[in-house]
Amino acid sequence: MPDKINQSKPKTGQISKAPDLGLDDGGHPDIGDFSPIATPRDGEGRLIRRLHVPLKSPEDVKPHLGSPGHYKEGYSAFCLVNGWMADNDIPELVRLTLDTVPALQHAILLEGFLEREVSLGDGARNSQTDLLCLLGINKQLVVMSVEGKVREPFGNLVAKELETASDFKKSRIKRLAQVLGLSLEEAKPLRYQLIHRTAAAIFEAQRFHSQTAIMMVHSYDPADAGFVDYRRFAEAIGFGDTEPTFTVGPQSFDDVSLYLGWTADCPSSEGCIIVDRRKTDEDFFEED
C-alpha cells in the first residue's frame, strides 16, 4: 500500500474576513490601473477596511461573497472556506504544491483574509481575491492569492470581454495585460480572470513591501476543469509547461518574483490518502 503523506504543520495565524465587493458587467470584480500606492476608497467612495476580526464559523463569510448563493456544498466558496478553516493552516495538498519549489518550502501561514478587497488606485471598483495569505518563508514575507475553483470557468476570454467593453474597460484590460508583459492582442485568447487575479497578487505584494507573490489555483474538481486555460495562461506569460499540484517560477514582473501554482484537490478528505499528488479513496488499496 502506498504510504500516506504526513507533513508537520507549523503554528499559524487565523483566517479573517474582508468586506464584500460588487461585480462588473461581466460578473467579475471591476479593476483598473496598477499604482503601487493604492487609494483607500474606490470610485463609489467605499472604504477598504484595514481592521479585521477572525471568522467564528465558515458561514460568516456569506455576506462578503459576490452573491450569498455561491456558498453551497460542492461549490468553490464552500470548499475553500470550510477546508482552510478546518486546517487553520496551509492545507496538505497546497503545501505539497508549494514544496515543489525549494525556495517555497517550509511556509508558515501567518494570516489569511477571505474575500480580500484590493484597491488598484484608478477610481474603479476594488478587486477581490478569494483568499489572500501572508506567508512566512525563510524569514521573508510572501503574498499568496488563492483562487478557489470546482467547475467554474476563469471568466470570459479577453476577446469576449472586449466585444462589449467601454473605452475605460478596454484601457483597464490593456494595463492588466501590460503588468504581465502581454500586449492586448496576446491577451485575447486568455481568460480574463486569470489575468486579473495574477495582476492583483503582484499589486498586493507591492503593497505589503514583499518581493514575492504567488497566484495559487486551489481546484476541488478531480477532473481539473479549467487546467487547459491555466496552462495556456502560464505559457503565455513565460512560465513554460506546468502540471497539477506543481508550482512554477519565478518570473519577474514590476520587481516582484511571481510564482504560479495549481493544487489538484477534491471536495472531501474523508477516507482519502494522497497518492501521486492526488487524494485517492484509501479503500481502493485495501486487499481482498
Protein backbone atom coordinates (compact mmCIF):
# COMPACT_ATOMS: atom_id res chain seq x y z
CA MET A 1 0.00 0.00 0.00
CA PRO A 2 1.38 3.44 -0.88
CA ASP A 3 2.44 5.47 2.10
CA LYS A 4 0.23 8.33 3.19
CA ILE A 5 1.97 11.66 3.09
CA ASN A 6 2.11 13.20 6.55
CA GLN A 7 3.76 16.57 6.95
CA SER A 8 4.24 18.51 10.14
CA LYS A 9 2.23 21.72 10.43
CA PRO A 10 3.85 24.83 11.89
CA LYS A 11 1.91 27.16 14.16
CA THR A 12 -0.28 29.53 12.21
CA GLY A 13 -2.27 32.72 12.27
CA GLN A 14 -6.02 32.90 11.73
CA ILE A 15 -8.35 33.25 8.78
CA SER A 16 -10.12 36.60 8.75
CA LYS A 17 -12.90 38.07 6.67
CA ALA A 18 -12.70 41.14 4.46
CA PRO A 19 -15.54 43.27 3.06
CA ASP A 20 -17.62 42.34 0.03
CA LEU A 21 -17.32 43.77 -3.49
CA GLY A 22 -19.70 44.41 -6.36
CA LEU A 23 -19.11 42.86 -9.76
CA ASP A 24 -18.69 44.45 -13.16
CA ASP A 25 -20.94 43.80 -16.15
CA GLY A 26 -19.01 40.61 -16.92
CA GLY A 27 -19.70 39.15 -13.48
CA HIS A 28 -16.14 39.70 -12.27
CA PRO A 29 -14.65 42.25 -9.88
CA ASP A 30 -14.04 45.51 -11.75
CA ILE A 31 -10.43 46.65 -11.69
CA GLY A 32 -8.19 49.30 -13.19
CA ASP A 33 -4.69 50.78 -13.09
CA PHE A 34 -1.76 49.49 -11.09
CA SER A 35 -0.22 52.21 -8.96
CA PRO A 36 1.86 50.64 -6.15
CA ILE A 37 0.26 53.16 -3.79
CA ALA A 38 -3.37 52.15 -3.56
CA THR A 39 -6.08 54.62 -2.57
CA PRO A 40 -8.22 53.62 0.43
CA ARG A 41 -11.51 54.18 -1.40
CA ASP A 42 -12.89 53.11 -4.73
CA GLY A 43 -14.80 55.27 -7.19
CA GLU A 44 -18.01 54.88 -5.20
CA GLY A 45 -16.33 56.10 -2.01
CA ARG A 46 -16.36 52.67 -0.35
CA LEU A 47 -13.72 52.41 2.34
CA ILE A 48 -11.41 49.41 2.25
CA ARG A 49 -11.33 48.11 5.80
CA ARG A 50 -7.88 47.53 7.23
CA LEU A 51 -9.14 46.18 10.57
CA HIS A 52 -10.33 42.57 10.69
CA VAL A 53 -11.79 40.01 13.04
CA PRO A 54 -11.43 36.19 12.83
CA LEU A 55 -14.28 34.15 11.45
CA LYS A 56 -16.16 32.20 14.12
CA SER A 57 -17.72 29.79 11.60
CA PRO A 58 -17.45 29.21 7.85
CA GLU A 59 -20.95 30.66 7.32
CA ASP A 60 -19.69 34.07 8.47
CA VAL A 61 -18.19 34.58 5.02
CA LYS A 62 -21.57 34.54 3.22
CA PRO A 63 -22.33 38.29 3.43
CA HIS A 64 -18.93 39.03 1.91
CA LEU A 65 -19.30 36.90 -1.23
CA GLY A 66 -20.24 38.36 -4.60
CA SER A 67 -23.51 36.51 -4.06
CA PRO A 68 -24.52 34.64 -0.86
CA GLY A 69 -25.88 31.92 -3.16
CA HIS A 70 -22.30 30.98 -4.03
CA TYR A 71 -21.95 29.40 -0.59
CA LYS A 72 -23.29 25.93 -1.38
CA GLU A 73 -21.88 22.48 -0.76
CA GLY A 74 -19.89 21.41 -3.79
CA TYR A 75 -19.15 24.98 -4.85
CA SER A 76 -15.69 26.52 -4.63
CA ALA A 77 -16.52 29.12 -1.97
CA PHE A 78 -17.90 26.43 0.33
CA CYS A 79 -14.97 24.08 -0.29
CA LEU A 80 -12.30 26.73 0.17
CA VAL A 81 -13.70 28.32 3.33
CA ASN A 82 -14.51 25.04 5.07
CA GLY A 83 -11.26 23.36 4.05
CA TRP A 84 -8.92 26.16 5.07
CA MET A 85 -10.80 26.85 8.31
CA ALA A 86 -10.75 23.19 9.29
CA ASP A 87 -6.97 23.12 8.95
CA ASN A 88 -6.36 26.67 10.23
CA ASP A 89 -3.17 26.21 8.25
CA ILE A 90 -1.95 25.64 4.70
CA PRO A 91 -3.88 22.55 3.54
CA GLU A 92 -1.72 19.49 2.92
CA LEU A 93 -2.07 19.45 -0.87
CA VAL A 94 -1.41 23.20 -1.15
CA ARG A 95 1.73 22.70 0.92
CA LEU A 96 2.71 19.80 -1.34
CA THR A 97 2.26 22.12 -4.33
CA LEU A 98 4.40 24.85 -2.78
CA ASP A 99 7.09 22.36 -1.80
CA THR A 100 7.82 21.53 -5.44
CA VAL A 101 9.87 24.76 -5.44
CA PRO A 102 12.72 24.61 -2.88
CA ALA A 103 12.52 28.36 -2.24
CA LEU A 104 8.87 27.99 -1.12
CA GLN A 105 9.33 25.07 1.26
CA HIS A 106 8.60 25.29 4.99
CA ALA A 107 5.99 28.02 4.51
CA ILE A 108 4.14 29.24 7.60
CA LEU A 109 0.64 30.71 7.33
CA LEU A 110 0.83 33.99 9.21
CA GLU A 111 -2.62 35.35 8.33
CA GLY A 112 -5.35 34.70 5.79
CA PHE A 113 -8.02 37.11 4.57
CA LEU A 114 -11.11 35.77 2.82
CA GLU A 115 -12.80 37.84 0.11
CA ARG A 116 -9.96 40.36 0.29
CA GLU A 117 -10.53 43.69 -1.46
CA VAL A 118 -7.65 45.14 -3.44
CA SER A 119 -7.69 48.81 -4.39
CA LEU A 120 -5.95 49.44 -7.68
CA GLY A 121 -5.98 53.22 -7.40
CA ASP A 122 -7.86 54.21 -10.55
CA GLY A 123 -11.23 55.17 -9.11
CA ALA A 124 -12.91 51.95 -10.29
CA ARG A 125 -14.38 49.26 -8.09
CA ASN A 126 -11.98 47.24 -5.99
CA SER A 127 -10.62 43.86 -6.98
CA GLN A 128 -11.48 40.92 -4.74
CA THR A 129 -9.39 37.84 -4.02
CA ASP A 130 -10.96 34.60 -2.74
CA LEU A 131 -8.25 34.19 -0.11
CA LEU A 132 -5.17 36.32 0.45
CA CYS A 133 -2.47 34.62 2.51
CA LEU A 134 0.54 36.18 4.16
CA LEU A 135 3.23 33.52 4.39
CA GLY A 136 6.49 33.44 6.24
CA ILE A 137 9.21 31.63 4.28
CA ASN A 138 12.85 31.72 5.35
CA LYS A 139 12.27 34.91 7.36
CA GLN A 140 10.72 36.62 4.31
CA LEU A 141 7.13 37.78 3.80
CA VAL A 142 5.43 36.18 0.79
CA VAL A 143 1.98 37.15 -0.51
CA MET A 144 -0.16 34.34 -1.94
CA SER A 145 -3.55 34.83 -3.54
CA VAL A 146 -5.69 31.71 -3.69
CA GLU A 147 -8.36 31.27 -6.34
CA GLY A 148 -10.84 28.52 -5.45
CA LYS A 149 -12.40 26.54 -8.28
CA VAL A 150 -14.62 23.50 -8.78
CA ARG A 151 -16.10 23.56 -12.27
CA GLU A 152 -16.46 27.33 -12.67
CA PRO A 153 -14.61 28.84 -15.65
CA PHE A 154 -12.00 31.57 -15.28
CA GLY A 155 -14.38 34.13 -16.70
CA ASN A 156 -14.67 35.08 -20.35
CA LEU A 157 -11.84 35.15 -22.82
CA VAL A 158 -10.33 38.63 -23.06
CA ALA A 159 -11.52 38.76 -26.68
CA LYS A 160 -15.09 38.25 -25.49
CA GLU A 161 -14.76 40.90 -22.77
CA LEU A 162 -13.53 43.41 -25.33
CA GLU A 163 -16.57 42.95 -27.58
CA THR A 164 -18.82 44.94 -25.24
CA ALA A 165 -16.24 46.81 -23.17
CA SER A 166 -16.30 50.57 -22.75
CA ASP A 167 -13.19 52.56 -23.68
CA PHE A 168 -12.32 52.74 -19.98
CA LYS A 169 -12.62 48.99 -19.55
CA LYS A 170 -10.56 48.34 -22.69
CA SER A 171 -7.86 50.59 -21.26
CA ARG A 172 -8.03 48.72 -17.94
CA ILE A 173 -7.68 45.31 -19.58
CA LYS A 174 -4.76 46.60 -21.63
CA ARG A 175 -2.99 47.78 -18.46
CA LEU A 176 -3.67 44.44 -16.76
CA ALA A 177 -2.04 42.66 -19.67
CA GLN A 178 0.93 45.02 -19.64
CA VAL A 179 1.62 44.23 -15.99
CA LEU A 180 2.17 40.63 -17.11
CA GLY A 181 4.23 41.57 -20.16
CA LEU A 182 1.42 40.96 -22.64
CA SER A 183 0.08 43.08 -25.44
CA LEU A 184 -3.68 43.35 -25.77
CA GLU A 185 -3.53 41.12 -28.84
CA GLU A 186 -1.55 38.47 -26.94
CA ALA A 187 -4.09 38.60 -24.11
CA LYS A 188 -7.16 37.99 -26.29
CA PRO A 189 -7.09 34.14 -26.22
CA LEU A 190 -6.55 34.10 -22.42
CA ARG A 191 -9.11 34.03 -19.65
CA TYR A 192 -9.75 37.46 -18.20
CA GLN A 193 -9.98 36.24 -14.60
CA LEU A 194 -6.55 34.63 -14.68
CA ILE A 195 -5.01 37.90 -15.86
CA HIS A 196 -6.95 39.83 -13.24
CA ARG A 197 -6.15 37.58 -10.28
CA THR A 198 -2.47 37.35 -11.10
CA ALA A 199 -2.03 41.10 -11.51
CA ALA A 200 -3.83 41.63 -8.20
CA ALA A 201 -1.40 39.25 -6.46
CA ILE A 202 1.52 41.32 -7.75
CA PHE A 203 -0.16 44.51 -6.64
CA GLU A 204 -0.76 43.22 -3.10
CA ALA A 205 2.83 42.03 -2.84
CA GLN A 206 3.94 45.57 -3.64
CA ARG A 207 1.57 46.99 -1.04
CA PHE A 208 2.97 44.67 1.63
CA HIS A 209 6.54 45.53 0.55
CA SER A 210 7.10 41.90 -0.39
CA GLN A 211 9.35 40.81 -3.21
CA THR A 212 7.48 37.54 -3.80
CA ALA A 213 3.92 36.79 -4.95
CA ILE A 214 2.16 33.50 -5.64
CA MET A 215 -1.07 33.04 -7.56
CA MET A 216 -2.37 29.63 -6.47
CA VAL A 217 -5.41 27.95 -8.02
CA HIS A 218 -6.94 25.60 -5.43
CA SER A 219 -9.05 23.29 -7.57
CA TYR A 220 -11.58 20.96 -5.96
CA ASP A 221 -12.52 19.26 -9.23
CA PRO A 222 -10.94 15.80 -9.65
CA ALA A 223 -11.16 16.28 -13.43
CA ASP A 224 -9.10 19.51 -13.28
CA ALA A 225 -11.69 21.66 -15.03
CA GLY A 226 -10.03 24.83 -16.28
CA PHE A 227 -6.49 23.47 -16.23
CA VAL A 228 -6.11 23.84 -20.00
CA ASP A 229 -6.85 27.56 -19.67
CA TYR A 230 -4.45 27.86 -16.74
CA ARG A 231 -1.66 26.11 -18.68
CA ARG A 232 -2.21 28.34 -21.73
CA PHE A 233 -2.03 31.41 -19.49
CA ALA A 234 1.16 30.22 -17.74
CA GLU A 235 2.86 29.60 -21.06
CA ALA A 236 1.77 32.99 -22.43
CA ILE A 237 3.45 34.91 -19.60
CA GLY A 238 6.68 32.93 -19.82
CA PHE A 239 6.39 30.04 -17.36
CA GLY A 240 6.57 27.17 -19.81
CA ASP A 241 4.81 23.88 -19.16
CA THR A 242 3.16 23.11 -15.84
CA GLU A 243 1.28 20.22 -14.21
CA PRO A 244 -1.37 19.83 -11.49
CA THR A 245 -0.07 20.07 -7.92
CA PHE A 246 3.08 21.81 -9.05
CA THR A 247 4.33 25.38 -8.70
CA VAL A 248 6.34 27.07 -11.46
CA GLY A 249 8.50 30.17 -11.44
CA PRO A 250 9.67 32.62 -10.64
CA GLN A 251 9.25 35.22 -13.34
CA SER A 252 9.85 38.89 -12.53
CA PHE A 253 7.07 41.46 -13.02
CA ASP A 254 7.41 45.01 -11.70
CA ASP A 255 10.25 43.90 -9.40
CA VAL A 256 8.10 41.14 -7.87
CA SER A 257 9.11 37.49 -8.24
CA LEU A 258 5.92 35.72 -9.31
CA TYR A 259 5.09 32.02 -8.98
CA LEU A 260 2.03 30.20 -10.34
CA GLY A 261 0.61 27.05 -8.78
CA TRP A 262 -2.27 24.62 -9.33
CA THR A 263 -3.38 22.43 -6.42
CA ALA A 264 -5.42 19.41 -7.55
CA ASP A 265 -7.76 18.64 -4.64
CA CYS A 266 -11.25 17.25 -4.14
CA PRO A 267 -14.18 18.47 -2.03
CA SER A 268 -13.72 15.96 0.79
CA SER A 269 -10.73 14.41 2.55
CA GLU A 270 -12.75 11.75 4.36
CA GLY A 271 -11.41 8.27 3.71
CA CYS A 272 -8.66 9.55 1.41
CA ILE A 273 -4.91 9.23 1.20
CA ILE A 274 -2.54 11.16 -1.04
CA VAL A 275 -1.03 9.13 -3.86
CA ASP A 276 0.88 10.63 -6.81
CA ARG A 277 -0.06 14.12 -5.65
CA ARG A 278 -3.78 13.29 -5.61
CA LYS A 279 -6.35 12.44 -2.97
CA THR A 280 -7.42 8.86 -3.55
CA ASP A 281 -10.02 6.69 -1.83
CA GLU A 282 -7.97 4.55 0.56
CA ASP A 283 -10.43 1.67 0.09
CA PHE A 284 -9.07 1.35 -3.44
CA PHE A 285 -5.84 -0.06 -1.98
CA GLU A 286 -7.37 -2.49 0.51
CA GLU A 287 -6.55 -6.08 -0.20
CA ASP A 288 -9.34 -8.58 -0.75
